[in-house]
Amino acid sequence: MFTYNLKEKEKKDIAVYGPSKLLKAICGIFALFILIGFFIALSEEGWQSRDILPLIICFLLLLVALYRDEWIISNRDKAFISIWGFGPFVKKDYYKYDDIKRIELTHFVKGIHASMEQKSTLTHKAYCVLSIKMKGEEEEKHDIEIIPEKSSAGKIERLAPLMAAYAGLEYFVDRPREVKVDIKRVF
């Protein structure tokens, strides 16, 4: 639903990976216009059963506008910070650079076991997983993004090494991206 971007904010010495602020602003403005229209119709015609639909749409638009899901790479704090939630009710997780082993980009095909041949079909979709792998015996992973490889279109493969370089961390990729060239689009 959201298109995630990596933006560097030099003044704060951070890079933010999250959805565009423009999308949230547009959803908020649409919700405001629907709410204004709802109150105008309510004052002229009174309450009708069909008035519930604009309220539902307005509520959903406000949820999108208030939702936060972003990763902050802070060189000032020397940490990856995960923020997610609605409005002021957010959860923040801090992952210090010293506790992170590396940034990983792995691939898998949904519905296919690791021992099987991994080729994407109509029923088995290929995915990219961008995650941070922690140091320690358990080497737990925290996923930054899981996205279909086709939807990613190489974007994750380009952003992952940039994120690792910005944080000064090791970067690992399990395999290069499988590029399928459509001859009709090339010529």
N, C-alpha and C. Protein backbone atom coordinates (compact mmCIF):
# COMPACT_ATOMS: atom_id res chain seq x y z
N MET A 1 0.82 -1.18 0.00
CA MET A 1 0.00 0.00 0.00
C MET A 1 0.87 1.26 0.00
N PHE A 2 1.83 1.31 0.91
CA PHE A 2 2.72 2.47 0.99
C PHE A 2 3.96 2.23 0.15
N THR A 3 4.47 3.29 -0.44
CA THR A 3 5.75 3.23 -1.11
C THR A 3 6.78 3.80 -0.14
N TYR A 4 7.76 3.00 0.19
CA TYR A 4 8.77 3.41 1.16
C TYR A 4 9.96 4.04 0.44
N ASN A 5 10.50 5.09 1.05
CA ASN A 5 11.65 5.80 0.51
C ASN A 5 12.70 5.96 1.59
N LEU A 6 13.94 6.11 1.17
CA LEU A 6 15.04 6.39 2.10
C LEU A 6 15.45 7.83 1.89
N LYS A 7 15.31 8.65 2.94
CA LYS A 7 15.66 10.06 2.85
C LYS A 7 16.65 10.41 3.94
N GLU A 8 17.70 11.11 3.54
CA GLU A 8 18.70 11.55 4.51
C GLU A 8 18.36 12.95 4.98
N LYS A 9 18.45 13.16 6.28
CA LYS A 9 18.25 14.48 6.87
C LYS A 9 19.57 14.87 7.53
N GLU A 10 20.38 15.64 6.78
CA GLU A 10 21.74 15.94 7.22
C GLU A 10 21.80 16.73 8.51
N LYS A 11 20.86 17.64 8.73
CA LYS A 11 20.89 18.47 9.94
C LYS A 11 20.77 17.62 11.20
N LYS A 12 19.97 16.57 11.13
CA LYS A 12 19.76 15.71 12.30
C LYS A 12 20.70 14.51 12.30
N ASP A 13 21.48 14.33 11.22
CA ASP A 13 22.40 13.20 11.07
C ASP A 13 21.66 11.87 11.11
N ILE A 14 20.53 11.81 10.39
CA ILE A 14 19.73 10.59 10.32
C ILE A 14 19.31 10.32 8.88
N ALA A 15 18.92 9.08 8.64
CA ALA A 15 18.27 8.69 7.39
C ALA A 15 16.98 8.01 7.79
N VAL A 16 15.90 8.32 7.11
CA VAL A 16 14.58 7.78 7.45
C VAL A 16 14.09 6.91 6.31
N TYR A 17 13.71 5.67 6.63
CA TYR A 17 13.14 4.75 5.66
C TYR A 17 11.68 4.53 6.04
N GLY A 18 10.78 5.10 5.25
CA GLY A 18 9.36 5.00 5.57
C GLY A 18 8.52 5.54 4.45
N PRO A 19 7.20 5.53 4.65
CA PRO A 19 6.29 6.02 3.61
C PRO A 19 6.41 7.53 3.44
N SER A 20 6.01 7.98 2.29
CA SER A 20 6.06 9.39 1.94
C SER A 20 5.12 10.21 2.82
N LYS A 21 5.56 11.37 3.25
CA LYS A 21 4.72 12.29 4.04
C LYS A 21 3.62 12.88 3.15
N LEU A 22 3.88 12.96 1.85
CA LEU A 22 2.89 13.49 0.91
C LEU A 22 1.64 12.61 0.89
N LEU A 23 1.80 11.29 0.89
CA LEU A 23 0.66 10.39 0.90
C LEU A 23 -0.20 10.62 2.14
N LYS A 24 0.46 10.76 3.29
CA LYS A 24 -0.28 10.99 4.53
C LYS A 24 -1.02 12.33 4.50
N ALA A 25 -0.37 13.34 3.96
CA ALA A 25 -1.01 14.67 3.87
C ALA A 25 -2.22 14.62 2.94
N ILE A 26 -2.09 13.95 1.80
CA ILE A 26 -3.20 13.84 0.86
C ILE A 26 -4.38 13.09 1.50
N CYS A 27 -4.09 12.00 2.20
CA CYS A 27 -5.17 11.25 2.88
C CYS A 27 -5.84 12.12 3.94
N GLY A 28 -5.06 12.89 4.68
CA GLY A 28 -5.63 13.78 5.70
C GLY A 28 -6.51 14.85 5.09
N ILE A 29 -6.07 15.42 3.95
CA ILE A 29 -6.86 16.46 3.27
C ILE A 29 -8.16 15.88 2.72
N PHE A 30 -8.08 14.69 2.11
CA PHE A 30 -9.30 14.03 1.61
C PHE A 30 -10.27 13.75 2.76
N ALA A 31 -9.75 13.28 3.89
CA ALA A 31 -10.61 13.02 5.04
C ALA A 31 -11.28 14.30 5.52
N LEU A 32 -10.54 15.40 5.53
CA LEU A 32 -11.10 16.69 5.94
C LEU A 32 -12.22 17.13 5.00
N PHE A 33 -12.00 17.02 3.68
CA PHE A 33 -13.03 17.40 2.71
C PHE A 33 -14.27 16.52 2.83
N ILE A 34 -14.07 15.23 3.04
CA ILE A 34 -15.22 14.33 3.19
C ILE A 34 -15.99 14.69 4.46
N LEU A 35 -15.28 15.01 5.52
CA LEU A 35 -15.92 15.38 6.78
C LEU A 35 -16.69 16.70 6.65
N ILE A 36 -16.11 17.66 5.95
CA ILE A 36 -16.81 18.93 5.72
C ILE A 36 -18.08 18.70 4.90
N GLY A 37 -17.96 17.91 3.83
CA GLY A 37 -19.13 17.57 3.01
C GLY A 37 -20.18 16.83 3.80
N PHE A 38 -19.74 15.94 4.69
CA PHE A 38 -20.68 15.19 5.53
C PHE A 38 -21.47 16.14 6.43
N PHE A 39 -20.79 17.09 7.07
CA PHE A 39 -21.48 18.02 7.97
C PHE A 39 -22.40 18.98 7.22
N ILE A 40 -22.02 19.36 6.00
CA ILE A 40 -22.90 20.21 5.19
C ILE A 40 -24.17 19.44 4.83
N ALA A 41 -24.00 18.19 4.38
CA ALA A 41 -25.17 17.36 4.03
C ALA A 41 -26.02 17.07 5.26
N LEU A 42 -25.38 16.87 6.39
CA LEU A 42 -26.10 16.59 7.63
C LEU A 42 -26.93 17.79 8.07
N SER A 43 -26.39 18.99 7.90
CA SER A 43 -27.14 20.19 8.31
C SER A 43 -28.30 20.49 7.35
N GLU A 44 -28.17 20.12 6.09
CA GLU A 44 -29.23 20.41 5.11
C GLU A 44 -30.31 19.34 5.07
N GLU A 45 -29.90 18.07 5.12
CA GLU A 45 -30.84 16.97 4.93
C GLU A 45 -31.13 16.18 6.20
N GLY A 46 -30.29 16.31 7.21
CA GLY A 46 -30.45 15.49 8.41
C GLY A 46 -29.78 14.13 8.21
N TRP A 47 -29.83 13.31 9.24
CA TRP A 47 -29.19 12.00 9.19
C TRP A 47 -29.97 11.03 8.32
N GLN A 48 -29.24 10.32 7.45
CA GLN A 48 -29.81 9.27 6.63
C GLN A 48 -28.90 8.06 6.71
N SER A 49 -29.43 6.90 6.43
CA SER A 49 -28.64 5.67 6.56
C SER A 49 -27.45 5.63 5.60
N ARG A 50 -27.56 6.30 4.49
CA ARG A 50 -26.46 6.30 3.52
C ARG A 50 -25.28 7.15 3.99
N ASP A 51 -25.47 7.94 5.04
CA ASP A 51 -24.41 8.81 5.55
C ASP A 51 -23.29 8.03 6.26
N ILE A 52 -23.50 6.77 6.49
CA ILE A 52 -22.48 5.98 7.18
C ILE A 52 -21.26 5.73 6.29
N LEU A 53 -21.46 5.60 4.97
CA LEU A 53 -20.36 5.33 4.05
C LEU A 53 -19.30 6.43 4.05
N PRO A 54 -19.66 7.72 3.96
CA PRO A 54 -18.62 8.75 4.03
C PRO A 54 -17.86 8.74 5.36
N LEU A 55 -18.55 8.40 6.44
CA LEU A 55 -17.87 8.33 7.73
C LEU A 55 -16.85 7.19 7.78
N ILE A 56 -17.21 6.06 7.19
CA ILE A 56 -16.29 4.93 7.13
C ILE A 56 -15.07 5.27 6.28
N ILE A 57 -15.30 5.89 5.12
CA ILE A 57 -14.19 6.29 4.25
C ILE A 57 -13.30 7.31 4.96
N CYS A 58 -13.91 8.27 5.63
CA CYS A 58 -13.16 9.29 6.37
C CYS A 58 -12.32 8.63 7.47
N PHE A 59 -12.89 7.68 8.18
CA PHE A 59 -12.17 6.98 9.24
C PHE A 59 -10.96 6.24 8.68
N LEU A 60 -11.15 5.53 7.56
CA LEU A 60 -10.04 4.80 6.95
C LEU A 60 -8.93 5.74 6.46
N LEU A 61 -9.32 6.87 5.86
CA LEU A 61 -8.33 7.85 5.42
C LEU A 61 -7.56 8.44 6.60
N LEU A 62 -8.25 8.68 7.71
CA LEU A 62 -7.56 9.18 8.90
C LEU A 62 -6.60 8.14 9.47
N LEU A 63 -6.97 6.87 9.41
CA LEU A 63 -6.05 5.82 9.86
C LEU A 63 -4.77 5.82 9.02
N VAL A 64 -4.91 5.95 7.71
CA VAL A 64 -3.74 6.01 6.84
C VAL A 64 -2.90 7.25 7.14
N ALA A 65 -3.56 8.38 7.34
CA ALA A 65 -2.84 9.63 7.60
C ALA A 65 -2.09 9.58 8.93
N LEU A 66 -2.64 8.89 9.93
CA LEU A 66 -2.03 8.88 11.26
C LEU A 66 -1.08 7.70 11.49
N TYR A 67 -1.06 6.73 10.58
CA TYR A 67 -0.22 5.55 10.76
C TYR A 67 1.26 5.88 10.55
N ARG A 68 2.09 5.39 11.45
CA ARG A 68 3.55 5.57 11.34
C ARG A 68 4.20 4.21 11.29
N ASP A 69 5.05 4.04 10.31
CA ASP A 69 5.84 2.83 10.17
C ASP A 69 7.13 3.24 9.49
N GLU A 70 8.16 3.47 10.28
CA GLU A 70 9.41 3.93 9.70
C GLU A 70 10.60 3.42 10.49
N TRP A 71 11.71 3.37 9.80
CA TRP A 71 12.98 3.01 10.41
C TRP A 71 13.88 4.23 10.30
N ILE A 72 14.48 4.60 11.41
CA ILE A 72 15.40 5.73 11.43
C ILE A 72 16.80 5.18 11.67
N ILE A 73 17.72 5.56 10.79
CA ILE A 73 19.12 5.19 10.96
C ILE A 73 19.80 6.44 11.52
N SER A 74 20.11 6.41 12.80
CA SER A 74 20.63 7.59 13.48
C SER A 74 22.12 7.43 13.76
N ASN A 75 22.93 8.22 13.08
CA ASN A 75 24.37 8.21 13.34
C ASN A 75 24.68 8.96 14.63
N ARG A 76 23.80 9.87 15.02
CA ARG A 76 23.99 10.60 16.27
C ARG A 76 23.83 9.66 17.46
N ASP A 77 22.78 8.82 17.43
CA ASP A 77 22.54 7.85 18.51
C ASP A 77 23.23 6.51 18.26
N LYS A 78 23.80 6.35 17.06
CA LYS A 78 24.44 5.08 16.66
C LYS A 78 23.46 3.92 16.82
N ALA A 79 22.28 4.08 16.22
CA ALA A 79 21.24 3.06 16.37
C ALA A 79 20.26 3.07 15.19
N PHE A 80 19.64 1.92 14.97
CA PHE A 80 18.47 1.80 14.11
C PHE A 80 17.28 1.94 15.04
N ILE A 81 16.32 2.77 14.67
CA ILE A 81 15.14 2.97 15.50
C ILE A 81 13.91 2.61 14.68
N SER A 82 13.14 1.65 15.19
CA SER A 82 11.90 1.23 14.53
C SER A 82 10.74 1.93 15.23
N ILE A 83 9.91 2.62 14.44
CA ILE A 83 8.76 3.32 14.98
C ILE A 83 7.52 2.85 14.23
N TRP A 84 6.51 2.39 14.96
CA TRP A 84 5.25 2.03 14.32
C TRP A 84 4.10 2.22 15.28
N GLY A 85 2.96 2.60 14.72
CA GLY A 85 1.77 2.83 15.52
C GLY A 85 0.89 3.89 14.88
N PHE A 86 -0.11 4.36 15.63
CA PHE A 86 -1.05 5.37 15.15
C PHE A 86 -0.91 6.63 15.98
N GLY A 87 -0.70 7.76 15.28
CA GLY A 87 -0.64 9.06 15.94
C GLY A 87 0.38 9.09 17.06
N PRO A 88 -0.05 9.49 18.26
CA PRO A 88 0.89 9.55 19.38
C PRO A 88 1.14 8.19 20.04
N PHE A 89 0.37 7.18 19.66
CA PHE A 89 0.50 5.85 20.26
C PHE A 89 1.43 4.99 19.40
N VAL A 90 2.73 5.18 19.58
CA VAL A 90 3.71 4.47 18.77
C VAL A 90 4.62 3.64 19.67
N LYS A 91 5.18 2.63 19.07
CA LYS A 91 6.16 1.79 19.76
C LYS A 91 7.51 2.04 19.11
N LYS A 92 8.51 2.31 19.93
CA LYS A 92 9.87 2.53 19.43
C LYS A 92 10.77 1.42 19.93
N ASP A 93 11.52 0.85 19.01
CA ASP A 93 12.53 -0.15 19.35
C ASP A 93 13.89 0.38 18.91
N TYR A 94 14.86 0.32 19.79
CA TYR A 94 16.21 0.79 19.49
C TYR A 94 17.13 -0.41 19.31
N TYR A 95 17.90 -0.38 18.23
CA TYR A 95 18.89 -1.42 17.96
C TYR A 95 20.23 -0.71 17.75
N LYS A 96 21.09 -0.75 18.75
CA LYS A 96 22.39 -0.08 18.70
C LYS A 96 23.29 -0.72 17.65
N TYR A 97 24.11 0.11 16.99
CA TYR A 97 25.05 -0.39 15.99
C TYR A 97 25.96 -1.46 16.58
N ASP A 98 26.35 -1.30 17.84
CA ASP A 98 27.26 -2.26 18.48
C ASP A 98 26.63 -3.65 18.61
N ASP A 99 25.29 -3.71 18.66
CA ASP A 99 24.59 -4.99 18.81
C ASP A 99 24.21 -5.61 17.47
N ILE A 100 24.43 -4.89 16.39
CA ILE A 100 24.03 -5.37 15.05
C ILE A 100 25.23 -6.00 14.36
N LYS A 101 25.02 -7.22 13.87
CA LYS A 101 26.08 -7.92 13.14
C LYS A 101 26.17 -7.40 11.71
N ARG A 102 25.00 -7.31 11.03
CA ARG A 102 25.00 -6.87 9.63
C ARG A 102 23.59 -6.57 9.15
N ILE A 103 23.53 -5.92 8.00
CA ILE A 103 22.27 -5.71 7.28
C ILE A 103 22.18 -6.84 6.25
N GLU A 104 21.05 -7.50 6.20
CA GLU A 104 20.89 -8.65 5.31
C GLU A 104 19.78 -8.43 4.30
N LEU A 105 20.03 -8.90 3.11
CA LEU A 105 19.00 -8.97 2.07
C LEU A 105 18.91 -10.42 1.63
N THR A 106 17.80 -11.05 1.94
CA THR A 106 17.61 -12.45 1.58
C THR A 106 16.38 -12.57 0.69
N HIS A 107 16.31 -13.68 0.01
CA HIS A 107 15.20 -13.94 -0.91
C HIS A 107 14.60 -15.29 -0.58
N PHE A 108 13.30 -15.42 -0.81
CA PHE A 108 12.64 -16.71 -0.66
C PHE A 108 11.43 -16.74 -1.58
N VAL A 109 10.96 -17.96 -1.84
CA VAL A 109 9.76 -18.15 -2.63
C VAL A 109 8.70 -18.72 -1.70
N LYS A 110 7.61 -18.00 -1.58
CA LYS A 110 6.53 -18.38 -0.66
C LYS A 110 5.93 -19.72 -1.11
N GLY A 111 5.84 -20.64 -0.17
CA GLY A 111 5.25 -21.94 -0.46
C GLY A 111 6.24 -22.99 -0.91
N ILE A 112 7.53 -22.66 -0.96
CA ILE A 112 8.54 -23.63 -1.38
C ILE A 112 9.56 -23.78 -0.27
N HIS A 113 9.85 -25.02 0.09
CA HIS A 113 10.81 -25.32 1.14
C HIS A 113 12.23 -25.07 0.63
N ALA A 114 13.15 -24.80 1.52
CA ALA A 114 14.53 -24.45 1.16
C ALA A 114 15.21 -25.54 0.34
N SER A 115 14.87 -26.81 0.54
CA SER A 115 15.52 -27.89 -0.19
C SER A 115 14.97 -28.04 -1.62
N MET A 116 13.84 -27.44 -1.90
CA MET A 116 13.25 -27.52 -3.22
C MET A 116 13.86 -26.46 -4.14
N GLU A 117 13.71 -26.64 -5.43
CA GLU A 117 14.19 -25.64 -6.38
C GLU A 117 13.33 -24.39 -6.26
N GLN A 118 13.97 -23.23 -6.17
CA GLN A 118 13.24 -21.99 -5.95
C GLN A 118 13.06 -21.22 -7.26
N LYS A 119 11.95 -21.46 -7.90
CA LYS A 119 11.58 -20.70 -9.08
C LYS A 119 10.18 -20.16 -8.87
N SER A 120 10.00 -18.92 -9.21
CA SER A 120 8.71 -18.27 -9.01
C SER A 120 7.70 -18.75 -10.06
N THR A 121 6.53 -19.12 -9.62
CA THR A 121 5.43 -19.48 -10.52
C THR A 121 4.24 -18.62 -10.16
N LEU A 122 3.12 -18.88 -10.78
CA LEU A 122 1.92 -18.10 -10.46
C LEU A 122 1.48 -18.32 -9.02
N THR A 123 1.61 -19.54 -8.52
CA THR A 123 1.17 -19.82 -7.16
C THR A 123 2.27 -19.60 -6.13
N HIS A 124 3.51 -19.55 -6.55
CA HIS A 124 4.64 -19.36 -5.65
C HIS A 124 5.33 -18.05 -6.00
N LYS A 125 5.17 -17.06 -5.13
CA LYS A 125 5.67 -15.72 -5.38
C LYS A 125 7.04 -15.52 -4.72
N ALA A 126 7.98 -14.89 -5.44
CA ALA A 126 9.31 -14.60 -4.91
C ALA A 126 9.27 -13.33 -4.07
N TYR A 127 9.95 -13.34 -2.92
CA TYR A 127 9.98 -12.22 -2.00
C TYR A 127 11.41 -11.81 -1.66
N CYS A 128 11.59 -10.54 -1.29
CA CYS A 128 12.85 -10.01 -0.76
C CYS A 128 12.61 -9.65 0.70
N VAL A 129 13.60 -9.94 1.54
CA VAL A 129 13.51 -9.61 2.96
C VAL A 129 14.73 -8.77 3.33
N LEU A 130 14.48 -7.54 3.74
CA LEU A 130 15.54 -6.66 4.22
C LEU A 130 15.46 -6.69 5.74
N SER A 131 16.55 -7.06 6.40
CA SER A 131 16.52 -7.20 7.86
C SER A 131 17.86 -6.83 8.48
N ILE A 132 17.82 -6.64 9.79
CA ILE A 132 19.07 -6.45 10.52
C ILE A 132 19.28 -7.72 11.35
N LYS A 133 20.50 -8.23 11.30
CA LYS A 133 20.85 -9.43 12.04
C LYS A 133 21.68 -9.01 13.24
N MET A 134 21.25 -9.44 14.41
CA MET A 134 21.90 -9.05 15.65
C MET A 134 23.06 -9.98 15.98
N LYS A 135 23.99 -9.47 16.79
CA LYS A 135 25.11 -10.28 17.28
C LYS A 135 24.60 -11.16 18.41
N GLY A 136 25.41 -12.14 18.78
CA GLY A 136 25.05 -13.01 19.90
C GLY A 136 24.85 -14.43 19.45
N GLU A 137 24.58 -15.30 20.42
CA GLU A 137 24.42 -16.71 20.13
C GLU A 137 23.16 -16.99 19.32
N GLU A 138 22.09 -16.29 19.64
CA GLU A 138 20.81 -16.54 18.95
C GLU A 138 20.76 -15.90 17.58
N GLU A 139 21.53 -14.82 17.37
CA GLU A 139 21.55 -14.08 16.10
C GLU A 139 20.15 -13.81 15.59
N GLU A 140 19.34 -13.18 16.42
CA GLU A 140 17.97 -12.87 16.02
C GLU A 140 17.96 -11.84 14.89
N LYS A 141 16.90 -11.90 14.10
CA LYS A 141 16.73 -10.98 12.97
C LYS A 141 15.50 -10.13 13.20
N HIS A 142 15.60 -8.88 12.77
CA HIS A 142 14.46 -7.96 12.82
C HIS A 142 14.22 -7.48 11.40
N ASP A 143 13.06 -7.80 10.86
CA ASP A 143 12.75 -7.47 9.47
C ASP A 143 12.39 -6.00 9.34
N ILE A 144 13.04 -5.37 8.39
CA ILE A 144 12.73 -3.98 8.06
C ILE A 144 11.60 -3.96 7.03
N GLU A 145 11.73 -4.82 6.02
CA GLU A 145 10.67 -4.90 5.00
C GLU A 145 10.68 -6.27 4.34
N ILE A 146 9.49 -6.79 4.08
CA ILE A 146 9.29 -8.00 3.30
C ILE A 146 8.40 -7.59 2.16
N ILE A 147 8.90 -7.74 0.94
CA ILE A 147 8.18 -7.23 -0.23
C ILE A 147 8.32 -8.21 -1.38
N PRO A 148 7.27 -8.37 -2.20
CA PRO A 148 7.40 -9.22 -3.38
C PRO A 148 8.53 -8.69 -4.29
N GLU A 149 9.32 -9.61 -4.80
CA GLU A 149 10.47 -9.23 -5.62
C GLU A 149 10.03 -8.44 -6.85
N LYS A 150 8.89 -8.79 -7.40
CA LYS A 150 8.39 -8.08 -8.58
C LYS A 150 8.01 -6.65 -8.22
N SER A 151 7.37 -6.45 -7.06
CA SER A 151 6.99 -5.11 -6.62
C SER A 151 8.20 -4.26 -6.29
N SER A 152 9.22 -4.90 -5.75
CA SER A 152 10.44 -4.19 -5.38
C SER A 152 11.14 -3.62 -6.62
N ALA A 153 11.13 -4.39 -7.68
CA ALA A 153 11.75 -3.97 -8.95
C ALA A 153 13.18 -3.49 -8.76
N GLY A 154 13.91 -4.14 -7.84
CA GLY A 154 15.30 -3.80 -7.62
C GLY A 154 15.52 -2.66 -6.63
N LYS A 155 14.45 -2.05 -6.16
CA LYS A 155 14.59 -0.91 -5.23
C LYS A 155 15.24 -1.32 -3.92
N ILE A 156 14.81 -2.43 -3.34
CA ILE A 156 15.38 -2.91 -2.09
C ILE A 156 16.85 -3.28 -2.29
N GLU A 157 17.16 -3.89 -3.43
CA GLU A 157 18.54 -4.26 -3.72
C GLU A 157 19.45 -3.04 -3.82
N ARG A 158 18.91 -1.91 -4.24
CA ARG A 158 19.69 -0.67 -4.32
C ARG A 158 19.78 0.02 -2.95
N LEU A 159 18.71 -0.04 -2.17
CA LEU A 159 18.68 0.67 -0.89
C LEU A 159 19.45 -0.04 0.22
N ALA A 160 19.45 -1.37 0.23
CA ALA A 160 20.08 -2.12 1.32
C ALA A 160 21.56 -1.78 1.49
N PRO A 161 22.37 -1.78 0.43
CA PRO A 161 23.78 -1.41 0.63
C PRO A 161 23.96 0.05 1.04
N LEU A 162 23.05 0.92 0.60
CA LEU A 162 23.12 2.33 1.02
C LEU A 162 22.86 2.46 2.52
N MET A 163 21.88 1.70 3.02
CA MET A 163 21.58 1.73 4.45
C MET A 163 22.77 1.21 5.26
N ALA A 164 23.37 0.12 4.79
CA ALA A 164 24.52 -0.46 5.49
C ALA A 164 25.71 0.51 5.47
N ALA A 165 25.94 1.14 4.33
CA ALA A 165 27.05 2.09 4.22
C ALA A 165 26.81 3.32 5.09
N TYR A 166 25.58 3.80 5.14
CA TYR A 166 25.26 4.98 5.96
C TYR A 166 25.53 4.69 7.44
N ALA A 167 25.19 3.47 7.88
CA ALA A 167 25.39 3.10 9.27
C ALA A 167 26.80 2.57 9.53
N GLY A 168 27.55 2.29 8.46
CA GLY A 168 28.89 1.75 8.62
C GLY A 168 28.87 0.29 9.07
N LEU A 169 27.86 -0.45 8.63
CA LEU A 169 27.70 -1.85 9.01
C LEU A 169 28.00 -2.76 7.83
N GLU A 170 28.25 -4.03 8.14
CA GLU A 170 28.49 -5.04 7.12
C GLU A 170 27.18 -5.29 6.36
N TYR A 171 27.31 -5.62 5.08
CA TYR A 171 26.15 -5.91 4.24
C TYR A 171 26.28 -7.31 3.68
N PHE A 172 25.17 -8.06 3.71
CA PHE A 172 25.14 -9.43 3.19
C PHE A 172 23.93 -9.59 2.30
N VAL A 173 24.14 -10.18 1.13
CA VAL A 173 23.03 -10.53 0.24
C VAL A 173 23.20 -12.00 -0.13
N ASP A 174 22.10 -12.77 -0.05
CA ASP A 174 22.20 -14.21 -0.30
C ASP A 174 22.36 -14.54 -1.78
N ARG A 175 21.83 -13.72 -2.63
CA ARG A 175 21.99 -13.93 -4.08
C ARG A 175 21.64 -12.64 -4.80
N PRO A 176 22.20 -12.43 -5.98
CA PRO A 176 21.82 -11.24 -6.73
C PRO A 176 20.39 -11.37 -7.25
N ARG A 177 19.84 -10.26 -7.60
CA ARG A 177 18.46 -10.23 -8.09
C ARG A 177 18.38 -10.95 -9.42
N GLU A 178 17.32 -11.74 -9.58
CA GLU A 178 17.07 -12.40 -10.86
C GLU A 178 16.40 -11.39 -11.78
N VAL A 179 17.10 -11.00 -12.81
CA VAL A 179 16.55 -10.01 -13.73
C VAL A 179 16.01 -10.75 -14.94
N LYS A 180 14.72 -10.57 -15.16
CA LYS A 180 14.09 -11.15 -16.34
C LYS A 180 13.83 -10.02 -17.31
N VAL A 181 14.43 -10.10 -18.49
CA VAL A 181 14.30 -9.04 -19.47
C VAL A 181 13.16 -9.38 -20.43
N ASP A 182 12.24 -8.47 -20.55
CA ASP A 182 11.14 -8.62 -21.50
C ASP A 182 11.61 -8.01 -22.81
N ILE A 183 11.85 -8.83 -23.81
CA ILE A 183 12.38 -8.38 -25.09
C ILE A 183 11.48 -7.34 -25.73
N LYS A 184 10.18 -7.48 -25.59
CA LYS A 184 9.25 -6.51 -26.19
C LYS A 184 9.43 -5.12 -25.60
N ARG A 185 9.81 -5.02 -24.32
CA ARG A 185 9.98 -3.71 -23.69
C ARG A 185 11.35 -3.12 -24.00
N VAL A 186 12.32 -3.94 -24.33
CA VAL A 186 13.68 -3.44 -24.60
C VAL A 186 13.74 -2.81 -25.98
N PHE A 187 13.13 -3.44 -26.97
CA PHE A 187 13.21 -2.94 -28.35
C PHE A 187 11.94 -2.25 -28.78
